[in-house]
Amino acid sequence: MITVLIADDQAMVRQGFGALLSAQPDLLVVGDAADGADAVARTRTLDPDVVLMDVRMPVMDGLEATRRLLAPGRDRPKVLILTTFDLDDYVYEALRAGASGFLLKDAPADELVHAVRVVAAGEALLAPSVTRRLIAEFAARPHRDRPRPTALNALTPRETDVLRLIARGRSNQEIAADLVVAEQTVKTHIGRILGKLGLRDRAQAVVFAYETGLITAGQ
């Protein structure tokens, strides 16, 4: 059973998402919160597997709440960010804070259910529109040479190729097709990449690839 907490300042959103998720046999909504501070407090009390976190909330926004929940030294839930616009300014910072993915509030019901299951299983959920937002973020920054991190030296050439494709927003299936290998082989490569670089998930891998200059906007 996957336990979920819903954090959103709109009661109708909390109730609607709650009813939808509770109707699934493998999902259990254990609580909700109307602001970021309450989300942090209730998460630490209820210990859900996944927190659906709205970005724009009173008292404490979803970004700061995510930072606090995913700070080192605690049992950390998976955080799935809810946003009204895929071009939200918080996209990049929320990924850096450790969010496992993004979901638009107007996404179809089946996408919400799928998203919760995906992040609960330890995968990252990065829609192509979100990846494009990341690319735009880096393209807008002044160019500066970045030293190649020594950690990248631990990757094999094939693992480096896979990391570049992850950063371009490719799915496992698309990466497998690009490299002409089995999808399971791609999953194995990704697991090794995350382990060698000390990254939690695919979302962190995307941020790492851009921040270190392994891939740049326009490549």
N, C-alpha and C. Protein backbone atom coordinates (compact mmCIF):
# COMPACT_ATOMS: atom_id res chain seq x y z
N MET A 1 0.84 -1.20 0.00
CA MET A 1 0.00 0.00 0.00
C MET A 1 0.88 1.25 0.00
N ILE A 2 0.60 2.18 -0.90
CA ILE A 2 1.34 3.43 -0.99
C ILE A 2 0.55 4.51 -0.24
N THR A 3 1.19 5.11 0.77
CA THR A 3 0.51 6.14 1.54
C THR A 3 0.85 7.52 0.99
N VAL A 4 -0.15 8.41 0.98
CA VAL A 4 -0.01 9.71 0.33
C VAL A 4 -0.53 10.82 1.23
N LEU A 5 0.17 11.96 1.23
CA LEU A 5 -0.32 13.17 1.87
C LEU A 5 -0.45 14.24 0.80
N ILE A 6 -1.56 14.99 0.82
CA ILE A 6 -1.82 16.00 -0.19
C ILE A 6 -1.71 17.39 0.43
N ALA A 7 -0.81 18.22 -0.11
CA ALA A 7 -0.60 19.58 0.40
C ALA A 7 -1.00 20.58 -0.68
N ASP A 8 -2.08 21.31 -0.42
CA ASP A 8 -2.57 22.31 -1.37
C ASP A 8 -3.44 23.29 -0.60
N ASP A 9 -3.36 24.57 -0.94
CA ASP A 9 -4.14 25.55 -0.19
C ASP A 9 -5.60 25.62 -0.62
N GLN A 10 -5.96 24.91 -1.68
CA GLN A 10 -7.35 24.90 -2.13
C GLN A 10 -8.04 23.62 -1.66
N ALA A 11 -9.08 23.80 -0.85
CA ALA A 11 -9.78 22.65 -0.28
C ALA A 11 -10.36 21.74 -1.37
N MET A 12 -10.85 22.34 -2.45
CA MET A 12 -11.45 21.53 -3.52
C MET A 12 -10.41 20.65 -4.20
N VAL A 13 -9.21 21.16 -4.33
CA VAL A 13 -8.13 20.37 -4.94
C VAL A 13 -7.79 19.19 -4.01
N ARG A 14 -7.64 19.48 -2.73
CA ARG A 14 -7.32 18.41 -1.78
C ARG A 14 -8.41 17.33 -1.79
N GLN A 15 -9.64 17.76 -1.77
CA GLN A 15 -10.75 16.80 -1.74
C GLN A 15 -10.85 16.00 -3.04
N GLY A 16 -10.67 16.69 -4.16
CA GLY A 16 -10.76 16.01 -5.45
C GLY A 16 -9.65 14.99 -5.64
N PHE A 17 -8.41 15.41 -5.37
CA PHE A 17 -7.29 14.48 -5.49
C PHE A 17 -7.42 13.34 -4.49
N GLY A 18 -7.88 13.68 -3.28
CA GLY A 18 -8.04 12.66 -2.25
C GLY A 18 -9.02 11.59 -2.65
N ALA A 19 -10.17 12.01 -3.20
CA ALA A 19 -11.18 11.06 -3.63
C ALA A 19 -10.67 10.17 -4.76
N LEU A 20 -9.94 10.79 -5.69
CA LEU A 20 -9.40 10.04 -6.83
C LEU A 20 -8.39 8.98 -6.38
N LEU A 21 -7.46 9.40 -5.53
CA LEU A 21 -6.43 8.47 -5.09
C LEU A 21 -6.99 7.39 -4.17
N SER A 22 -7.93 7.76 -3.31
CA SER A 22 -8.49 6.79 -2.37
C SER A 22 -9.28 5.70 -3.08
N ALA A 23 -9.71 5.97 -4.31
CA ALA A 23 -10.47 4.97 -5.07
C ALA A 23 -9.57 3.87 -5.64
N GLN A 24 -8.26 4.08 -5.54
CA GLN A 24 -7.32 3.08 -6.07
C GLN A 24 -7.01 2.04 -4.99
N PRO A 25 -6.99 0.77 -5.34
CA PRO A 25 -6.80 -0.28 -4.33
C PRO A 25 -5.43 -0.27 -3.67
N ASP A 26 -4.43 0.33 -4.32
CA ASP A 26 -3.07 0.30 -3.78
C ASP A 26 -2.63 1.63 -3.19
N LEU A 27 -3.55 2.63 -3.12
CA LEU A 27 -3.20 3.95 -2.62
C LEU A 27 -4.06 4.30 -1.40
N LEU A 28 -3.44 4.91 -0.40
CA LEU A 28 -4.14 5.31 0.81
C LEU A 28 -3.75 6.75 1.16
N VAL A 29 -4.72 7.66 1.15
CA VAL A 29 -4.47 9.04 1.53
C VAL A 29 -4.55 9.13 3.06
N VAL A 30 -3.42 9.45 3.68
CA VAL A 30 -3.36 9.44 5.15
C VAL A 30 -3.58 10.82 5.76
N GLY A 31 -3.59 11.87 4.92
CA GLY A 31 -3.81 13.21 5.46
C GLY A 31 -3.65 14.27 4.40
N ASP A 32 -3.93 15.53 4.79
CA ASP A 32 -3.73 16.64 3.87
C ASP A 32 -3.28 17.86 4.66
N ALA A 33 -2.87 18.89 3.94
CA ALA A 33 -2.36 20.12 4.57
C ALA A 33 -2.68 21.29 3.67
N ALA A 34 -2.97 22.45 4.28
CA ALA A 34 -3.37 23.63 3.53
C ALA A 34 -2.23 24.63 3.32
N ASP A 35 -1.06 24.36 3.91
CA ASP A 35 0.09 25.24 3.69
C ASP A 35 1.37 24.43 3.90
N GLY A 36 2.49 25.04 3.53
CA GLY A 36 3.75 24.32 3.58
C GLY A 36 4.18 23.92 4.97
N ALA A 37 3.98 24.80 5.95
CA ALA A 37 4.39 24.49 7.32
C ALA A 37 3.60 23.30 7.85
N ASP A 38 2.29 23.29 7.58
CA ASP A 38 1.45 22.18 8.02
C ASP A 38 1.85 20.90 7.29
N ALA A 39 2.24 21.04 6.02
CA ALA A 39 2.67 19.87 5.25
C ALA A 39 3.89 19.22 5.88
N VAL A 40 4.85 20.05 6.31
CA VAL A 40 6.05 19.53 6.95
C VAL A 40 5.70 18.83 8.26
N ALA A 41 4.89 19.49 9.07
CA ALA A 41 4.51 18.93 10.38
C ALA A 41 3.74 17.62 10.22
N ARG A 42 2.76 17.61 9.31
CA ARG A 42 1.93 16.42 9.16
C ARG A 42 2.70 15.27 8.51
N THR A 43 3.63 15.60 7.63
CA THR A 43 4.45 14.55 7.00
C THR A 43 5.32 13.86 8.04
N ARG A 44 5.88 14.64 8.95
CA ARG A 44 6.74 14.04 9.97
C ARG A 44 5.93 13.22 10.96
N THR A 45 4.66 13.53 11.12
CA THR A 45 3.80 12.76 12.02
C THR A 45 3.25 11.51 11.34
N LEU A 46 2.81 11.67 10.09
CA LEU A 46 2.10 10.59 9.40
C LEU A 46 3.03 9.71 8.56
N ASP A 47 4.23 10.20 8.24
CA ASP A 47 5.23 9.42 7.50
C ASP A 47 4.69 8.81 6.20
N PRO A 48 4.14 9.63 5.29
CA PRO A 48 3.64 9.09 4.03
C PRO A 48 4.78 8.70 3.10
N ASP A 49 4.48 7.82 2.15
CA ASP A 49 5.48 7.44 1.14
C ASP A 49 5.66 8.57 0.12
N VAL A 50 4.56 9.23 -0.22
CA VAL A 50 4.58 10.28 -1.25
C VAL A 50 3.84 11.51 -0.73
N VAL A 51 4.42 12.69 -0.98
CA VAL A 51 3.74 13.94 -0.68
C VAL A 51 3.45 14.65 -2.00
N LEU A 52 2.16 14.91 -2.27
CA LEU A 52 1.78 15.75 -3.40
C LEU A 52 1.88 17.19 -2.90
N MET A 53 2.79 17.96 -3.44
CA MET A 53 3.13 19.27 -2.88
C MET A 53 2.82 20.40 -3.87
N ASP A 54 1.84 21.23 -3.53
CA ASP A 54 1.57 22.42 -4.33
C ASP A 54 2.74 23.39 -4.14
N VAL A 55 3.05 24.16 -5.17
CA VAL A 55 4.16 25.10 -5.08
C VAL A 55 3.77 26.37 -4.34
N ARG A 56 2.66 26.95 -4.74
CA ARG A 56 2.28 28.26 -4.20
C ARG A 56 1.26 28.08 -3.08
N MET A 57 1.75 28.21 -1.84
CA MET A 57 0.90 28.08 -0.66
C MET A 57 1.26 29.15 0.36
N PRO A 58 0.33 29.52 1.24
CA PRO A 58 0.61 30.52 2.27
C PRO A 58 1.49 29.95 3.38
N VAL A 59 1.93 30.82 4.27
CA VAL A 59 2.75 30.49 5.45
C VAL A 59 4.14 30.02 5.04
N MET A 60 4.20 28.94 4.26
CA MET A 60 5.47 28.43 3.72
C MET A 60 5.16 27.83 2.36
N ASP A 61 5.90 28.23 1.32
CA ASP A 61 5.60 27.68 0.00
C ASP A 61 6.10 26.25 -0.14
N GLY A 62 5.67 25.62 -1.22
CA GLY A 62 6.00 24.22 -1.42
C GLY A 62 7.48 23.96 -1.62
N LEU A 63 8.19 24.95 -2.14
CA LEU A 63 9.63 24.79 -2.35
C LEU A 63 10.37 24.68 -1.02
N GLU A 64 10.09 25.59 -0.10
CA GLU A 64 10.74 25.55 1.20
C GLU A 64 10.31 24.29 1.97
N ALA A 65 9.06 23.92 1.86
CA ALA A 65 8.58 22.71 2.53
C ALA A 65 9.32 21.48 1.99
N THR A 66 9.54 21.46 0.68
CA THR A 66 10.28 20.35 0.07
C THR A 66 11.71 20.30 0.58
N ARG A 67 12.35 21.46 0.65
CA ARG A 67 13.73 21.51 1.17
C ARG A 67 13.80 20.92 2.58
N ARG A 68 12.85 21.29 3.41
CA ARG A 68 12.87 20.82 4.80
C ARG A 68 12.60 19.33 4.90
N LEU A 69 11.67 18.85 4.10
CA LEU A 69 11.33 17.43 4.16
C LEU A 69 12.46 16.55 3.62
N LEU A 70 13.22 17.08 2.67
CA LEU A 70 14.25 16.27 2.01
C LEU A 70 15.66 16.61 2.50
N ALA A 71 15.74 17.33 3.62
CA ALA A 71 17.05 17.62 4.20
C ALA A 71 17.71 16.33 4.66
N PRO A 72 19.04 16.24 4.57
CA PRO A 72 19.74 15.03 5.00
C PRO A 72 19.49 14.73 6.48
N GLY A 73 19.59 13.46 6.83
CA GLY A 73 19.50 13.07 8.23
C GLY A 73 18.11 12.68 8.69
N ARG A 74 17.16 12.61 7.75
CA ARG A 74 15.80 12.23 8.11
C ARG A 74 15.30 11.14 7.17
N ASP A 75 14.25 10.45 7.60
CA ASP A 75 13.54 9.60 6.66
C ASP A 75 12.82 10.53 5.70
N ARG A 76 13.08 10.35 4.41
CA ARG A 76 12.58 11.32 3.44
C ARG A 76 11.52 10.70 2.54
N PRO A 77 10.37 11.35 2.43
CA PRO A 77 9.34 10.85 1.52
C PRO A 77 9.70 11.23 0.09
N LYS A 78 8.99 10.69 -0.86
CA LYS A 78 9.09 11.16 -2.23
C LYS A 78 8.18 12.37 -2.37
N VAL A 79 8.65 13.41 -3.02
CA VAL A 79 7.84 14.62 -3.19
C VAL A 79 7.52 14.80 -4.67
N LEU A 80 6.22 14.87 -4.95
CA LEU A 80 5.75 15.11 -6.31
C LEU A 80 5.14 16.51 -6.32
N ILE A 81 5.75 17.41 -7.08
CA ILE A 81 5.34 18.81 -7.09
C ILE A 81 4.11 19.00 -7.99
N LEU A 82 3.10 19.68 -7.45
CA LEU A 82 1.91 20.05 -8.23
C LEU A 82 2.05 21.50 -8.65
N THR A 83 1.85 21.78 -9.91
CA THR A 83 1.98 23.15 -10.38
C THR A 83 0.93 23.45 -11.43
N THR A 84 0.55 24.71 -11.53
CA THR A 84 -0.46 25.11 -12.51
C THR A 84 0.15 25.28 -13.89
N PHE A 85 1.41 25.70 -13.93
CA PHE A 85 2.07 25.94 -15.21
C PHE A 85 3.38 25.16 -15.27
N ASP A 86 3.65 24.54 -16.40
CA ASP A 86 4.90 23.81 -16.53
C ASP A 86 6.09 24.74 -16.66
N LEU A 87 5.86 26.04 -16.84
CA LEU A 87 6.95 27.00 -16.90
C LEU A 87 7.12 27.72 -15.57
N ASP A 88 6.64 27.13 -14.52
CA ASP A 88 6.75 27.72 -13.20
C ASP A 88 8.22 27.99 -12.86
N ASP A 89 8.49 29.15 -12.28
CA ASP A 89 9.86 29.52 -11.94
C ASP A 89 10.49 28.56 -10.94
N TYR A 90 9.66 27.81 -10.23
CA TYR A 90 10.19 26.95 -9.18
C TYR A 90 10.71 25.60 -9.69
N VAL A 91 10.50 25.31 -10.96
CA VAL A 91 10.84 23.98 -11.47
C VAL A 91 12.28 23.58 -11.12
N TYR A 92 13.22 24.43 -11.52
CA TYR A 92 14.63 24.08 -11.32
C TYR A 92 14.98 23.97 -9.84
N GLU A 93 14.55 24.95 -9.04
CA GLU A 93 14.90 24.93 -7.62
C GLU A 93 14.27 23.75 -6.90
N ALA A 94 13.07 23.37 -7.29
CA ALA A 94 12.43 22.22 -6.65
C ALA A 94 13.17 20.93 -6.96
N LEU A 95 13.67 20.81 -8.18
CA LEU A 95 14.47 19.63 -8.53
C LEU A 95 15.76 19.62 -7.71
N ARG A 96 16.38 20.77 -7.57
CA ARG A 96 17.60 20.85 -6.78
C ARG A 96 17.32 20.49 -5.32
N ALA A 97 16.12 20.83 -4.86
CA ALA A 97 15.75 20.53 -3.47
C ALA A 97 15.50 19.05 -3.27
N GLY A 98 15.36 18.30 -4.36
CA GLY A 98 15.20 16.86 -4.24
C GLY A 98 13.86 16.31 -4.65
N ALA A 99 12.99 17.15 -5.23
CA ALA A 99 11.69 16.65 -5.68
C ALA A 99 11.89 15.56 -6.73
N SER A 100 11.01 14.56 -6.69
CA SER A 100 11.13 13.44 -7.62
C SER A 100 10.42 13.66 -8.94
N GLY A 101 9.63 14.73 -9.03
CA GLY A 101 8.96 14.98 -10.28
C GLY A 101 7.95 16.09 -10.20
N PHE A 102 7.33 16.35 -11.35
CA PHE A 102 6.35 17.43 -11.48
C PHE A 102 5.10 16.89 -12.14
N LEU A 103 3.97 17.47 -11.75
CA LEU A 103 2.71 17.13 -12.37
C LEU A 103 1.86 18.39 -12.49
N LEU A 104 1.32 18.62 -13.68
CA LEU A 104 0.43 19.76 -13.85
C LEU A 104 -0.92 19.44 -13.21
N LYS A 105 -1.51 20.45 -12.58
CA LYS A 105 -2.78 20.23 -11.89
C LYS A 105 -3.91 19.84 -12.84
N ASP A 106 -3.79 20.23 -14.08
CA ASP A 106 -4.85 19.90 -15.03
C ASP A 106 -4.56 18.61 -15.80
N ALA A 107 -3.60 17.83 -15.32
CA ALA A 107 -3.30 16.55 -15.97
C ALA A 107 -4.48 15.60 -15.80
N PRO A 108 -4.68 14.69 -16.74
CA PRO A 108 -5.76 13.72 -16.62
C PRO A 108 -5.62 12.89 -15.34
N ALA A 109 -6.76 12.39 -14.85
CA ALA A 109 -6.78 11.64 -13.60
C ALA A 109 -5.83 10.44 -13.61
N ASP A 110 -5.78 9.73 -14.75
CA ASP A 110 -4.93 8.55 -14.79
C ASP A 110 -3.45 8.92 -14.70
N GLU A 111 -3.09 10.14 -15.15
CA GLU A 111 -1.70 10.58 -15.04
C GLU A 111 -1.31 10.84 -13.59
N LEU A 112 -2.24 11.38 -12.81
CA LEU A 112 -1.97 11.61 -11.39
C LEU A 112 -1.73 10.29 -10.68
N VAL A 113 -2.59 9.32 -10.92
CA VAL A 113 -2.44 8.01 -10.28
C VAL A 113 -1.12 7.37 -10.69
N HIS A 114 -0.82 7.44 -11.99
CA HIS A 114 0.43 6.87 -12.49
C HIS A 114 1.64 7.56 -11.87
N ALA A 115 1.57 8.90 -11.76
CA ALA A 115 2.68 9.67 -11.21
C ALA A 115 2.98 9.26 -9.78
N VAL A 116 1.96 9.08 -8.97
CA VAL A 116 2.16 8.67 -7.57
C VAL A 116 2.85 7.31 -7.52
N ARG A 117 2.41 6.40 -8.34
CA ARG A 117 3.01 5.06 -8.34
C ARG A 117 4.46 5.09 -8.82
N VAL A 118 4.72 5.93 -9.83
CA VAL A 118 6.08 6.02 -10.39
C VAL A 118 7.07 6.53 -9.34
N VAL A 119 6.74 7.64 -8.68
CA VAL A 119 7.69 8.20 -7.71
C VAL A 119 7.79 7.32 -6.47
N ALA A 120 6.70 6.66 -6.10
CA ALA A 120 6.75 5.75 -4.94
C ALA A 120 7.70 4.60 -5.19
N ALA A 121 7.81 4.20 -6.46
CA ALA A 121 8.70 3.10 -6.83
C ALA A 121 10.15 3.53 -6.96
N GLY A 122 10.41 4.83 -6.73
CA GLY A 122 11.80 5.30 -6.77
C GLY A 122 12.23 5.88 -8.10
N GLU A 123 11.29 5.99 -9.03
CA GLU A 123 11.62 6.58 -10.32
C GLU A 123 11.34 8.08 -10.28
N ALA A 124 11.90 8.80 -11.23
CA ALA A 124 11.62 10.24 -11.33
C ALA A 124 10.60 10.46 -12.44
N LEU A 125 9.79 11.48 -12.26
CA LEU A 125 8.77 11.78 -13.26
C LEU A 125 9.09 13.15 -13.84
N LEU A 126 9.69 13.15 -15.02
CA LEU A 126 10.04 14.42 -15.67
C LEU A 126 9.39 14.46 -17.04
N ALA A 127 8.34 15.25 -17.15
CA ALA A 127 7.68 15.41 -18.44
C ALA A 127 8.60 16.16 -19.39
N PRO A 128 8.46 15.91 -20.70
CA PRO A 128 9.30 16.65 -21.67
C PRO A 128 9.22 18.16 -21.49
N SER A 129 8.04 18.69 -21.13
CA SER A 129 7.91 20.13 -20.96
C SER A 129 8.77 20.63 -19.81
N VAL A 130 8.90 19.80 -18.76
CA VAL A 130 9.74 20.18 -17.63
C VAL A 130 11.20 20.15 -18.01
N THR A 131 11.60 19.15 -18.78
CA THR A 131 12.99 19.08 -19.23
C THR A 131 13.32 20.29 -20.12
N ARG A 132 12.37 20.68 -20.97
CA ARG A 132 12.59 21.87 -21.80
C ARG A 132 12.76 23.11 -20.93
N ARG A 133 12.02 23.16 -19.82
CA ARG A 133 12.13 24.29 -18.90
C ARG A 133 13.54 24.34 -18.31
N LEU A 134 14.07 23.18 -17.96
CA LEU A 134 15.43 23.12 -17.43
C LEU A 134 16.44 23.62 -18.46
N ILE A 135 16.27 23.17 -19.70
CA ILE A 135 17.19 23.59 -20.76
C ILE A 135 17.13 25.10 -20.94
N ALA A 136 15.91 25.65 -20.93
CA ALA A 136 15.75 27.09 -21.08
C ALA A 136 16.42 27.84 -19.93
N GLU A 137 16.33 27.29 -18.73
CA GLU A 137 16.94 27.90 -17.55
C GLU A 137 18.45 28.04 -17.75
N PHE A 138 19.08 26.97 -18.23
CA PHE A 138 20.53 27.01 -18.42
C PHE A 138 20.92 27.85 -19.63
N ALA A 139 20.09 27.86 -20.66
CA ALA A 139 20.39 28.64 -21.85
C ALA A 139 20.40 30.13 -21.53
N ALA A 140 19.58 30.53 -20.56
CA ALA A 140 19.46 31.95 -20.20
C ALA A 140 20.60 32.43 -19.32
N ARG A 141 21.38 31.51 -18.80
CA ARG A 141 22.46 31.91 -17.89
C ARG A 141 23.71 32.31 -18.67
N PRO A 142 24.49 33.24 -18.13
CA PRO A 142 25.76 33.59 -18.77
C PRO A 142 26.64 32.35 -18.88
N HIS A 143 27.26 32.20 -20.04
CA HIS A 143 28.11 31.02 -20.23
C HIS A 143 29.37 31.14 -19.38
N ARG A 144 29.70 30.09 -18.74
CA ARG A 144 30.97 30.05 -18.01
C ARG A 144 31.53 28.62 -18.10
N ASP A 145 32.83 28.55 -18.22
CA ASP A 145 33.44 27.23 -18.29
C ASP A 145 33.34 26.55 -16.94
N ARG A 146 32.92 25.31 -16.96
CA ARG A 146 32.80 24.56 -15.72
C ARG A 146 33.82 23.42 -15.75
N PRO A 147 34.56 23.25 -14.69
CA PRO A 147 35.50 22.13 -14.67
C PRO A 147 34.75 20.81 -14.68
N ARG A 148 35.28 19.84 -15.36
CA ARG A 148 34.64 18.52 -15.41
C ARG A 148 34.83 17.84 -14.06
N PRO A 149 33.78 17.51 -13.35
CA PRO A 149 33.92 16.89 -12.02
C PRO A 149 34.65 15.56 -12.12
N THR A 150 35.49 15.29 -11.16
CA THR A 150 36.23 14.03 -11.16
C THR A 150 35.28 12.84 -11.05
N ALA A 151 34.11 13.05 -10.48
CA ALA A 151 33.14 11.95 -10.33
C ALA A 151 32.76 11.38 -11.70
N LEU A 152 32.75 12.23 -12.72
CA LEU A 152 32.39 11.76 -14.05
C LEU A 152 33.40 10.77 -14.61
N ASN A 153 34.62 10.81 -14.09
CA ASN A 153 35.64 9.89 -14.57
C ASN A 153 35.31 8.44 -14.21
N ALA A 154 34.43 8.26 -13.22
CA ALA A 154 34.06 6.91 -12.81
C ALA A 154 33.09 6.26 -13.80
N LEU A 155 32.47 7.07 -14.66
CA LEU A 155 31.51 6.54 -15.62
C LEU A 155 32.21 5.96 -16.84
N THR A 156 31.67 4.87 -17.35
CA THR A 156 32.16 4.33 -18.62
C THR A 156 31.64 5.22 -19.75
N PRO A 157 32.24 5.13 -20.94
CA PRO A 157 31.74 5.92 -22.07
C PRO A 157 30.25 5.68 -22.33
N ARG A 158 29.79 4.43 -22.21
CA ARG A 158 28.39 4.14 -22.45
C ARG A 158 27.51 4.78 -21.37
N GLU A 159 27.95 4.72 -20.13
CA GLU A 159 27.19 5.35 -19.04
C GLU A 159 27.11 6.86 -19.23
N THR A 160 28.19 7.45 -19.73
CA THR A 160 28.19 8.89 -20.01
C THR A 160 27.19 9.22 -21.11
N ASP A 161 27.11 8.37 -22.11
CA ASP A 161 26.13 8.56 -23.19
C ASP A 161 24.71 8.50 -22.64
N VAL A 162 24.48 7.54 -21.76
CA VAL A 162 23.14 7.38 -21.17
C VAL A 162 22.78 8.62 -20.35
N LEU A 163 23.74 9.12 -19.58
CA LEU A 163 23.48 10.31 -18.77
C LEU A 163 23.13 11.50 -19.65
N ARG A 164 23.82 11.66 -20.76
CA ARG A 164 23.50 12.76 -21.68
C ARG A 164 22.08 12.64 -22.22
N LEU A 165 21.69 11.41 -22.54
CA LEU A 165 20.34 11.20 -23.09
C LEU A 165 19.26 11.43 -22.02
N ILE A 166 19.56 11.05 -20.79
CA ILE A 166 18.63 11.34 -19.69
C ILE A 166 18.41 12.85 -19.60
N ALA A 167 19.52 13.60 -19.69
CA ALA A 167 19.46 15.05 -19.57
C ALA A 167 18.70 15.70 -20.71
N ARG A 168 18.61 15.01 -21.83
CA ARG A 168 17.85 15.54 -22.96
C ARG A 168 16.37 15.18 -22.88
N GLY A 169 16.01 14.48 -21.81
CA GLY A 169 14.60 14.17 -21.61
C GLY A 169 14.15 12.87 -22.23
N ARG A 170 15.08 12.03 -22.65
CA ARG A 170 14.70 10.75 -23.26
C ARG A 170 14.18 9.77 -22.21
N SER A 171 13.18 9.00 -22.57
CA SER A 171 12.68 7.92 -21.71
C SER A 171 13.61 6.72 -21.84
N ASN A 172 13.46 5.75 -20.95
CA ASN A 172 14.28 4.54 -21.04
C ASN A 172 14.10 3.86 -22.39
N GLN A 173 12.86 3.82 -22.86
CA GLN A 173 12.57 3.19 -24.14
C GLN A 173 13.27 3.91 -25.28
N GLU A 174 13.25 5.23 -25.24
CA GLU A 174 13.90 6.03 -26.29
C GLU A 174 15.42 5.88 -26.24
N ILE A 175 15.97 5.83 -25.02
CA ILE A 175 17.42 5.63 -24.88
C ILE A 175 17.82 4.28 -25.45
N ALA A 176 17.02 3.27 -25.14
CA ALA A 176 17.31 1.92 -25.65
C ALA A 176 17.32 1.92 -27.18
N ALA A 177 16.37 2.63 -27.78
CA ALA A 177 16.30 2.69 -29.25
C ALA A 177 17.49 3.45 -29.81
N ASP A 178 17.86 4.55 -29.16
CA ASP A 178 19.00 5.36 -29.63
C ASP A 178 20.30 4.56 -29.61
N LEU A 179 20.48 3.78 -28.54
CA LEU A 179 21.75 3.07 -28.35
C LEU A 179 21.69 1.63 -28.86
N VAL A 180 20.52 1.22 -29.35
CA VAL A 180 20.29 -0.14 -29.87
C VAL A 180 20.66 -1.19 -28.81
N VAL A 181 20.06 -1.04 -27.64
CA VAL A 181 20.24 -2.02 -26.57
C VAL A 181 18.87 -2.31 -25.96
N ALA A 182 18.80 -3.30 -25.08
CA ALA A 182 17.55 -3.64 -24.42
C ALA A 182 17.21 -2.58 -23.37
N GLU A 183 15.92 -2.40 -23.12
CA GLU A 183 15.49 -1.42 -22.12
C GLU A 183 16.02 -1.79 -20.74
N GLN A 184 16.10 -3.07 -20.43
CA GLN A 184 16.63 -3.50 -19.14
C GLN A 184 18.10 -3.11 -19.00
N THR A 185 18.83 -3.13 -20.11
CA THR A 185 20.23 -2.71 -20.08
C THR A 185 20.33 -1.23 -19.73
N VAL A 186 19.41 -0.43 -20.26
CA VAL A 186 19.38 1.00 -19.94
C VAL A 186 19.13 1.19 -18.45
N LYS A 187 18.17 0.44 -17.90
CA LYS A 187 17.87 0.54 -16.47
C LYS A 187 19.09 0.19 -15.62
N THR A 188 19.84 -0.82 -16.07
CA THR A 188 21.06 -1.21 -15.36
C THR A 188 22.09 -0.08 -15.39
N HIS A 189 22.26 0.52 -16.57
CA HIS A 189 23.20 1.64 -16.70
C HIS A 189 22.79 2.79 -15.77
N ILE A 190 21.51 3.10 -15.75
CA ILE A 190 21.03 4.22 -14.92
C ILE A 190 21.29 3.95 -13.44
N GLY A 191 21.04 2.72 -13.02
CA GLY A 191 21.31 2.36 -11.63
C GLY A 191 22.77 2.55 -11.28
N ARG A 192 23.66 2.17 -12.19
CA ARG A 192 25.10 2.33 -11.94
C ARG A 192 25.51 3.79 -11.94
N ILE A 193 24.91 4.58 -12.84
CA ILE A 193 25.21 6.02 -12.89
C ILE A 193 24.83 6.68 -11.58
N LEU A 194 23.62 6.42 -11.11
CA LEU A 194 23.16 7.02 -9.86
C LEU A 194 24.05 6.61 -8.70
N GLY A 195 24.44 5.34 -8.67
CA GLY A 195 25.30 4.85 -7.59
C GLY A 195 26.68 5.50 -7.60
N LYS A 196 27.28 5.58 -8.78
CA LYS A 196 28.63 6.14 -8.89
C LYS A 196 28.67 7.63 -8.58
N LEU A 197 27.60 8.33 -8.94
CA LEU A 197 27.58 9.79 -8.75
C LEU A 197 26.91 10.20 -7.44
N GLY A 198 26.40 9.21 -6.70
CA GLY A 198 25.76 9.52 -5.43
C GLY A 198 24.47 10.31 -5.58
N LEU A 199 23.72 10.01 -6.65
CA LEU A 199 22.47 10.72 -6.93
C LEU A 199 21.29 9.86 -6.52
N ARG A 200 20.19 10.54 -6.14
CA ARG A 200 19.03 9.81 -5.65
C ARG A 200 18.16 9.27 -6.77
N ASP A 201 18.01 10.04 -7.83
CA ASP A 201 17.09 9.61 -8.88
C ASP A 201 17.39 10.33 -10.19
N ARG A 202 16.54 10.07 -11.18
CA ARG A 202 16.72 10.60 -12.52
C ARG A 202 16.66 12.14 -12.54
N ALA A 203 15.80 12.70 -11.69
CA ALA A 203 15.68 14.16 -11.64
C ALA A 203 17.01 14.78 -11.24
N GLN A 204 17.66 14.23 -10.23
CA GLN A 204 18.95 14.75 -9.81
C GLN A 204 20.00 14.55 -10.90
N ALA A 205 19.88 13.47 -11.67
CA ALA A 205 20.83 13.22 -12.75
C ALA A 205 20.74 14.30 -13.82
N VAL A 206 19.52 14.75 -14.13
CA VAL A 206 19.34 15.82 -15.11
C VAL A 206 20.01 17.10 -14.62
N VAL A 207 19.75 17.46 -13.39
CA VAL A 207 20.35 18.67 -12.83
C VAL A 207 21.87 18.55 -12.83
N PHE A 208 22.38 17.40 -12.42
CA PHE A 208 23.83 17.18 -12.37
C PHE A 208 24.46 17.36 -13.76
N ALA A 209 23.83 16.79 -14.78
CA ALA A 209 24.40 16.85 -16.14
C ALA A 209 24.53 18.29 -16.62
N TYR A 210 23.53 19.11 -16.31
CA TYR A 210 23.60 20.52 -16.75
C TYR A 210 24.52 21.34 -15.88
N GLU A 211 24.45 21.13 -14.57
CA GLU A 211 25.27 21.94 -13.67
C GLU A 211 26.76 21.70 -13.90
N THR A 212 27.13 20.50 -14.27
CA THR A 212 28.54 20.19 -14.46
C THR A 212 29.03 20.48 -15.87
N GLY A 213 28.10 20.86 -16.76
CA GLY A 213 28.49 21.17 -18.12
C GLY A 213 28.67 19.94 -19.00
N LEU A 214 28.26 18.76 -18.49
CA LEU A 214 28.35 17.55 -19.33
C LEU A 214 27.52 17.73 -20.58
N ILE A 215 26.40 18.42 -20.43
CA ILE A 215 25.58 18.74 -21.58
C ILE A 215 25.16 20.20 -21.45
N THR A 216 25.04 20.89 -22.55
CA THR A 216 24.64 22.29 -22.50
C THR A 216 23.42 22.48 -23.39
N ALA A 217 22.68 23.53 -23.13
CA ALA A 217 21.48 23.82 -23.92
C ALA A 217 21.86 23.93 -25.38
N GLY A 218 21.08 23.30 -26.25
CA GLY A 218 21.33 23.36 -27.68
C GLY A 218 22.08 22.16 -28.20
N GLN A 219 22.63 21.35 -27.29
CA GLN A 219 23.35 20.16 -27.77
C GLN A 219 22.37 19.14 -28.28
